[in-house]
């Protein structure tokens, strides 16, 4: 039983906290690598918006009476 206590005290709190973030950092790194490989940007005009039609304000009909 004393071996278990000695093994438990041998890890520092900093290593224990970092151990939680290692898998998340690996997943984020994999995601960033996969996004850089799959560049699906179909905007060839430099990101400028093109209006299809001018939006006009149309008054809505409101029912009268309650």
PDB file of N, CA and C in Angstrom:
ATOM      1  N   UNK A   1       0.811  -1.189   0.000  1.00  0.00           N
ATOM      2  CA  UNK A   1       0.000   0.000   0.000  1.00  0.00           C
ATOM      3  C   UNK A   1       0.861   1.262   0.000  1.00  0.00           C
ATOM      4  N   UNK A   2       2.047   1.179   0.591  1.00  0.00           N
ATOM      5  CA  UNK A   2       2.922   2.344   0.614  1.00  0.00           C
ATOM      6  C   UNK A   2       3.456   2.657  -0.778  1.00  0.00           C
ATOM      7  N   UNK A   3       3.584   1.646  -1.630  1.00  0.00           N
ATOM      8  CA  UNK A   3       4.007   1.894  -3.012  1.00  0.00           C
ATOM      9  C   UNK A   3       2.978   2.726  -3.761  1.00  0.00           C
ATOM     10  N   UNK A   4       1.708   2.497  -3.477  1.00  0.00           N
ATOM     11  CA  UNK A   4       0.640   3.263  -4.117  1.00  0.00           C
ATOM     12  C   UNK A   4       0.700   4.722  -3.681  1.00  0.00           C
ATOM     13  N   UNK A   5       0.947   4.978  -2.427  1.00  0.00           N
ATOM     14  CA  UNK A   5       1.064   6.354  -1.946  1.00  0.00           C
ATOM     15  C   UNK A   5       2.287   7.038  -2.523  1.00  0.00           C
ATOM     16  N   UNK A   6       3.383   6.325  -2.648  1.00  0.00           N
ATOM     17  CA  UNK A   6       4.594   6.909  -3.215  1.00  0.00           C
ATOM     18  C   UNK A   6       4.387   7.231  -4.691  1.00  0.00           C
ATOM     19  N   UNK A   7       3.691   6.388  -5.404  1.00  0.00           N
ATOM     20  CA  UNK A   7       3.419   6.629  -6.820  1.00  0.00           C
ATOM     21  C   UNK A   7       2.449   7.794  -6.985  1.00  0.00           C
ATOM     22  N   UNK A   8       1.532   7.943  -6.059  1.00  0.00           N
ATOM     23  CA  UNK A   8       0.559   9.019  -6.135  1.00  0.00           C
ATOM     24  C   UNK A   8       1.219  10.375  -5.882  1.00  0.00           C
ATOM     25  N   UNK A   9       2.174  10.440  -5.013  1.00  0.00           N
ATOM     26  CA  UNK A   9       2.829  11.695  -4.687  1.00  0.00           C
ATOM     27  C   UNK A   9       3.922  12.075  -5.671  1.00  0.00           C
ATOM     28  N   UNK A  10       4.280  11.200  -6.591  1.00  0.00           N
ATOM     29  CA  UNK A  10       5.393  11.487  -7.478  1.00  0.00           C
ATOM     30  C   UNK A  10       5.020  12.407  -8.639  1.00  0.00           C
ATOM     31  N   UNK A  11       3.746  12.602  -8.933  1.00  0.00           N
ATOM     32  CA  UNK A  11       3.340  13.459 -10.043  1.00  0.00           C
ATOM     33  C   UNK A  11       3.058  14.869  -9.516  1.00  0.00           C
ATOM     34  N   UNK A  12       3.512  15.858 -10.241  1.00  0.00           N
ATOM     35  CA  UNK A  12       3.292  17.236  -9.802  1.00  0.00           C
ATOM     36  C   UNK A  12       1.914  17.715 -10.266  1.00  0.00           C
ATOM     37  N   UNK A  13       1.355  18.684  -9.595  1.00  0.00           N
ATOM     38  CA  UNK A  13       0.045  19.206 -10.016  1.00  0.00           C
ATOM     39  C   UNK A  13       0.083  19.837 -11.411  1.00  0.00           C
ATOM     40  N   UNK A  14       1.209  20.439 -11.783  1.00  0.00           N
ATOM     41  CA  UNK A  14       1.320  21.034 -13.109  1.00  0.00           C
ATOM     42  C   UNK A  14       1.233  19.973 -14.199  1.00  0.00           C
ATOM     43  N   UNK A  15       1.896  18.860 -13.993  1.00  0.00           N
ATOM     44  CA  UNK A  15       1.834  17.768 -14.972  1.00  0.00           C
ATOM     45  C   UNK A  15       0.419  17.200 -15.044  1.00  0.00           C
ATOM     46  N   UNK A  16      -0.256  17.133 -13.914  1.00  0.00           N
ATOM     47  CA  UNK A  16      -1.632  16.622 -13.896  1.00  0.00           C
ATOM     48  C   UNK A  16      -2.565  17.538 -14.668  1.00  0.00           C
ATOM     49  N   UNK A  17      -2.389  18.844 -14.545  1.00  0.00           N
ATOM     50  CA  UNK A  17      -3.239  19.792 -15.274  1.00  0.00           C
ATOM     51  C   UNK A  17      -2.913  19.745 -16.763  1.00  0.00           C
ATOM     52  N   UNK A  18      -1.629  19.698 -17.094  1.00  0.00           N
ATOM     53  CA  UNK A  18      -1.249  19.644 -18.504  1.00  0.00           C
ATOM     54  C   UNK A  18      -1.697  18.348 -19.167  1.00  0.00           C
ATOM     55  N   UNK A  19      -1.755  17.282 -18.399  1.00  0.00           N
ATOM     56  CA  UNK A  19      -2.175  15.992 -18.948  1.00  0.00           C
ATOM     57  C   UNK A  19      -3.608  16.053 -19.468  1.00  0.00           C
ATOM     58  N   UNK A  20      -4.419  16.926 -18.885  1.00  0.00           N
ATOM     59  CA  UNK A  20      -5.805  17.087 -19.340  1.00  0.00           C
ATOM     60  C   UNK A  20      -5.834  17.790 -20.694  1.00  0.00           C
ATOM     61  N   UNK A  21      -4.903  18.737 -20.904  1.00  0.00           N
ATOM     62  CA  UNK A  21      -4.939  19.542 -22.112  1.00  0.00           C
ATOM     63  C   UNK A  21      -4.182  18.930 -23.288  1.00  0.00           C
ATOM     64  N   UNK A  22      -3.366  17.915 -23.070  1.00  0.00           N
ATOM     65  CA  UNK A  22      -2.652  17.276 -24.174  1.00  0.00           C
ATOM     66  C   UNK A  22      -3.596  16.720 -25.250  1.00  0.00           C
ATOM     67  N   UNK A  23      -4.637  15.964 -24.896  1.00  0.00           N
ATOM     68  CA  UNK A  23      -5.535  15.448 -25.950  1.00  0.00           C
ATOM     69  C   UNK A  23      -6.265  16.554 -26.703  1.00  0.00           C
ATOM     70  N   UNK A  24      -6.691  17.601 -25.987  1.00  0.00           N
ATOM     71  CA  UNK A  24      -7.394  18.697 -26.668  1.00  0.00           C
ATOM     72  C   UNK A  24      -6.462  19.440 -27.611  1.00  0.00           C
ATOM     73  N   UNK A  25      -5.220  19.642 -27.196  1.00  0.00           N
ATOM     74  CA  UNK A  25      -4.255  20.319 -28.062  1.00  0.00           C
ATOM     75  C   UNK A  25      -3.970  19.471 -29.299  1.00  0.00           C
ATOM     76  N   UNK A  26      -3.920  18.158 -29.135  1.00  0.00           N
ATOM     77  CA  UNK A  26      -3.695  17.281 -30.280  1.00  0.00           C
ATOM     78  C   UNK A  26      -4.880  17.349 -31.247  1.00  0.00           C
ATOM     79  N   UNK A  27      -6.093  17.359 -30.724  1.00  0.00           N
ATOM     80  CA  UNK A  27      -7.276  17.442 -31.592  1.00  0.00           C
ATOM     81  C   UNK A  27      -7.343  18.772 -32.328  1.00  0.00           C
ATOM     82  N   UNK A  28      -7.007  19.849 -31.657  1.00  0.00           N
ATOM     83  CA  UNK A  28      -7.009  21.159 -32.308  1.00  0.00           C
ATOM     84  C   UNK A  28      -5.947  21.209 -33.396  1.00  0.00           C
ATOM     85  N   UNK A  29      -4.778  20.651 -33.128  1.00  0.00           N
ATOM     86  CA  UNK A  29      -3.715  20.615 -34.129  1.00  0.00           C
ATOM     87  C   UNK A  29      -4.128  19.798 -35.354  1.00  0.00           C
ATOM     88  N   UNK A  30      -4.755  18.658 -35.130  1.00  0.00           N
ATOM     89  CA  UNK A  30      -5.228  17.834 -36.249  1.00  0.00           C
ATOM     90  C   UNK A  30      -6.279  18.587 -37.058  1.00  0.00           C
ATOM     91  N   UNK A  31      -7.191  19.290 -36.360  1.00  0.00           N
ATOM     92  CA  UNK A  31      -8.226  20.065 -37.051  1.00  0.00           C
ATOM     93  C   UNK A  31      -7.615  21.170 -37.907  1.00  0.00           C
ATOM     94  N   UNK A  32      -6.624  21.872 -37.367  1.00  0.00           N
ATOM     95  CA  UNK A  32      -5.987  22.938 -38.137  1.00  0.00           C
ATOM     96  C   UNK A  32      -5.243  22.393 -39.351  1.00  0.00           C
ATOM     97  N   UNK A  33      -4.603  21.265 -39.195  1.00  0.00           N
ATOM     98  CA  UNK A  33      -3.891  20.661 -40.326  1.00  0.00           C
ATOM     99  C   UNK A  33      -4.877  20.222 -41.406  1.00  0.00           C
ATOM    100  N   UNK A  34      -5.980  19.600 -40.996  1.00  0.00           N
ATOM    101  CA  UNK A  34      -6.970  19.151 -41.975  1.00  0.00           C
ATOM    102  C   UNK A  34      -7.647  20.328 -42.677  1.00  0.00           C
ATOM    103  N   UNK A  35      -7.883  21.423 -41.956  1.00  0.00           N
ATOM    104  CA  UNK A  35      -8.484  22.591 -42.599  1.00  0.00           C
ATOM    105  C   UNK A  35      -7.537  23.253 -43.580  1.00  0.00           C
ATOM    106  N   UNK A  36      -6.243  23.217 -43.298  1.00  0.00           N
ATOM    107  CA  UNK A  36      -5.298  23.831 -44.227  1.00  0.00           C
ATOM    108  C   UNK A  36      -5.126  22.985 -45.481  1.00  0.00           C
ATOM    109  N   UNK A  37      -5.297  21.685 -45.368  1.00  0.00           N
ATOM    110  CA  UNK A  37      -5.195  20.806 -46.537  1.00  0.00           C
ATOM    111  C   UNK A  37      -6.428  20.970 -47.421  1.00  0.00           C
ATOM    112  N   UNK A  38      -7.616  21.002 -46.816  1.00  0.00           N
ATOM    113  CA  UNK A  38      -8.873  21.095 -47.558  1.00  0.00           C
ATOM    114  C   UNK A  38      -9.278  22.556 -47.655  1.00  0.00           C
ATOM    115  N   UNK A  39      -8.713  23.280 -48.584  1.00  0.00           N
ATOM    116  CA  UNK A  39      -9.039  24.691 -48.772  1.00  0.00           C
ATOM    117  C   UNK A  39     -10.208  24.794 -49.742  1.00  0.00           C
ATOM    118  N   UNK A  40     -11.416  24.908 -49.196  1.00  0.00           N
ATOM    119  CA  UNK A  40     -12.613  24.926 -50.034  1.00  0.00           C
ATOM    120  C   UNK A  40     -13.129  26.349 -50.265  1.00  0.00           C
ATOM    121  N   UNK A  41     -12.232  27.300 -50.290  1.00  0.00           N
ATOM    122  CA  UNK A  41     -12.620  28.684 -50.529  1.00  0.00           C
ATOM    123  C   UNK A  41     -12.909  28.875 -52.015  1.00  0.00           C
ATOM    124  N   UNK A  42     -14.176  29.069 -52.353  1.00  0.00           N
ATOM    125  CA  UNK A  42     -14.558  29.223 -53.753  1.00  0.00           C
ATOM    126  C   UNK A  42     -14.683  30.695 -54.143  1.00  0.00           C
ATOM    127  N   UNK A  43     -14.251  31.587 -53.288  1.00  0.00           N
ATOM    128  CA  UNK A  43     -14.333  33.009 -53.572  1.00  0.00           C
ATOM    129  C   UNK A  43     -13.070  33.432 -54.316  1.00  0.00           C
ATOM    130  N   UNK A  44     -13.194  33.657 -55.598  1.00  0.00           N
ATOM    131  CA  UNK A  44     -12.048  34.008 -56.424  1.00  0.00           C
ATOM    132  C   UNK A  44     -11.924  35.510 -56.644  1.00  0.00           C
ATOM    133  N   UNK A  45     -12.909  36.296 -56.162  1.00  0.00           N
ATOM    134  CA  UNK A  45     -12.923  37.732 -56.419  1.00  0.00           C
ATOM    135  C   UNK A  45     -12.363  38.545 -55.262  1.00  0.00           C
ATOM    136  N   UNK A  46     -11.672  37.938 -54.352  1.00  0.00           N
ATOM    137  CA  UNK A  46     -11.086  38.685 -53.258  1.00  0.00           C
ATOM    138  C   UNK A  46     -12.037  38.995 -52.120  1.00  0.00           C
ATOM    139  N   UNK A  47     -13.159  38.344 -52.038  1.00  0.00           N
ATOM    140  CA  UNK A  47     -14.066  38.511 -50.916  1.00  0.00           C
ATOM    141  C   UNK A  47     -15.013  39.677 -51.013  1.00  0.00           C
ATOM    142  N   UNK A  48     -15.240  40.220 -52.180  1.00  0.00           N
ATOM    143  CA  UNK A  48     -16.154  41.340 -52.322  1.00  0.00           C
ATOM    144  C   UNK A  48     -17.565  40.822 -52.560  1.00  0.00           C
ATOM    145  N   UNK A  49     -18.500  41.386 -51.818  1.00  0.00           N
ATOM    146  CA  UNK A  49     -19.882  40.959 -51.950  1.00  0.00           C
ATOM    147  C   UNK A  49     -20.535  41.513 -53.202  1.00  0.00           C
ATOM    148  N   UNK A  50     -21.390  40.741 -53.809  1.00  0.00           N
ATOM    149  CA  UNK A  50     -22.104  41.179 -55.004  1.00  0.00           C
ATOM    150  C   UNK A  50     -23.594  41.104 -54.697  1.00  0.00           C
ATOM    151  N   UNK A  51     -24.260  42.240 -54.824  1.00  0.00           N
ATOM    152  CA  UNK A  51     -25.692  42.273 -54.537  1.00  0.00           C
ATOM    153  C   UNK A  51     -26.469  41.675 -55.713  1.00  0.00           C
ATOM    154  N   UNK A  52     -27.384  40.825 -55.390  1.00  0.00           N
ATOM    155  CA  UNK A  52     -28.227  40.225 -56.423  1.00  0.00           C
ATOM    156  C   UNK A  52     -29.351  41.176 -56.790  1.00  0.00           C
ATOM    157  N   UNK A  53     -29.969  41.740 -55.787  1.00  0.00           N
ATOM    158  CA  UNK A  53     -31.007  42.733 -56.032  1.00  0.00           C
ATOM    159  C   UNK A  53     -31.050  43.682 -54.853  1.00  0.00           C
ATOM    160  N   UNK A  54     -31.569  44.843 -55.096  1.00  0.00           N
ATOM    161  CA  UNK A  54     -31.661  45.853 -54.046  1.00  0.00           C
ATOM    162  C   UNK A  54     -32.844  45.507 -53.147  1.00  0.00           C
ATOM    163  N   UNK A  55     -32.602  45.457 -51.873  1.00  0.00           N
ATOM    164  CA  UNK A  55     -33.672  45.152 -50.924  1.00  0.00           C
ATOM    165  C   UNK A  55     -34.531  46.402 -50.725  1.00  0.00           C
ATOM    166  N   UNK A  56     -35.787  46.288 -51.006  1.00  0.00           N
ATOM    167  CA  UNK A  56     -36.706  47.417 -50.860  1.00  0.00           C
ATOM    168  C   UNK A  56     -37.607  47.165 -49.658  1.00  0.00           C
ATOM    169  N   UNK A  57     -37.887  48.245 -48.954  1.00  0.00           N
ATOM    170  CA  UNK A  57     -38.769  48.145 -47.794  1.00  0.00           C
ATOM    171  C   UNK A  57     -40.213  48.099 -48.297  1.00  0.00           C
ATOM    172  N   UNK A  58     -40.908  47.047 -47.988  1.00  0.00           N
ATOM    173  CA  UNK A  58     -42.306  46.888 -48.373  1.00  0.00           C
ATOM    174  C   UNK A  58     -43.142  46.945 -47.100  1.00  0.00           C
ATOM    175  N   UNK A  59     -44.110  47.848 -47.044  1.00  0.00           N
ATOM    176  CA  UNK A  59     -44.914  47.925 -45.802  1.00  0.00           C
ATOM    177  C   UNK A  59     -45.767  46.670 -45.641  1.00  0.00           C
ATOM    178  N   UNK A  60     -45.802  46.178 -44.432  1.00  0.00           N
ATOM    179  CA  UNK A  60     -46.597  44.991 -44.130  1.00  0.00           C
ATOM    180  C   UNK A  60     -48.008  45.402 -43.775  1.00  0.00           C
ATOM    181  N   UNK A  61     -48.985  44.612 -44.192  1.00  0.00           N
ATOM    182  CA  UNK A  61     -50.362  44.896 -43.864  1.00  0.00           C
ATOM    183  C   UNK A  61     -50.643  44.396 -42.449  1.00  0.00           C
ATOM    184  N   UNK A  62     -51.263  45.240 -41.657  1.00  0.00           N
ATOM    185  CA  UNK A  62     -51.571  44.896 -40.276  1.00  0.00           C
ATOM    186  C   UNK A  62     -53.082  44.752 -40.162  1.00  0.00           C
ATOM    187  N   UNK A  63     -53.551  43.651 -39.616  1.00  0.00           N
ATOM    188  CA  UNK A  63     -55.012  43.495 -39.494  1.00  0.00           C
ATOM    189  C   UNK A  63     -55.570  44.508 -38.497  1.00  0.00           C
ATOM    190  N   UNK A  64     -56.709  45.067 -38.862  1.00  0.00           N
ATOM    191  CA  UNK A  64     -57.338  46.069 -37.976  1.00  0.00           C
ATOM    192  C   UNK A  64     -58.303  45.357 -37.029  1.00  0.00           C
ATOM    193  N   UNK A  65     -58.488  45.950 -35.877  1.00  0.00           N
ATOM    194  CA  UNK A  65     -59.395  45.371 -34.901  1.00  0.00           C
ATOM    195  C   UNK A  65     -58.670  44.392 -33.986  1.00  0.00           C
ATOM    196  N   UNK A  66     -59.326  44.075 -32.898  1.00  0.00           N
ATOM    197  CA  UNK A  66     -58.674  43.155 -31.960  1.00  0.00           C
ATOM    198  C   UNK A  66     -59.567  42.010 -31.629  1.00  0.00           C
TER     199      UNK A  66
END
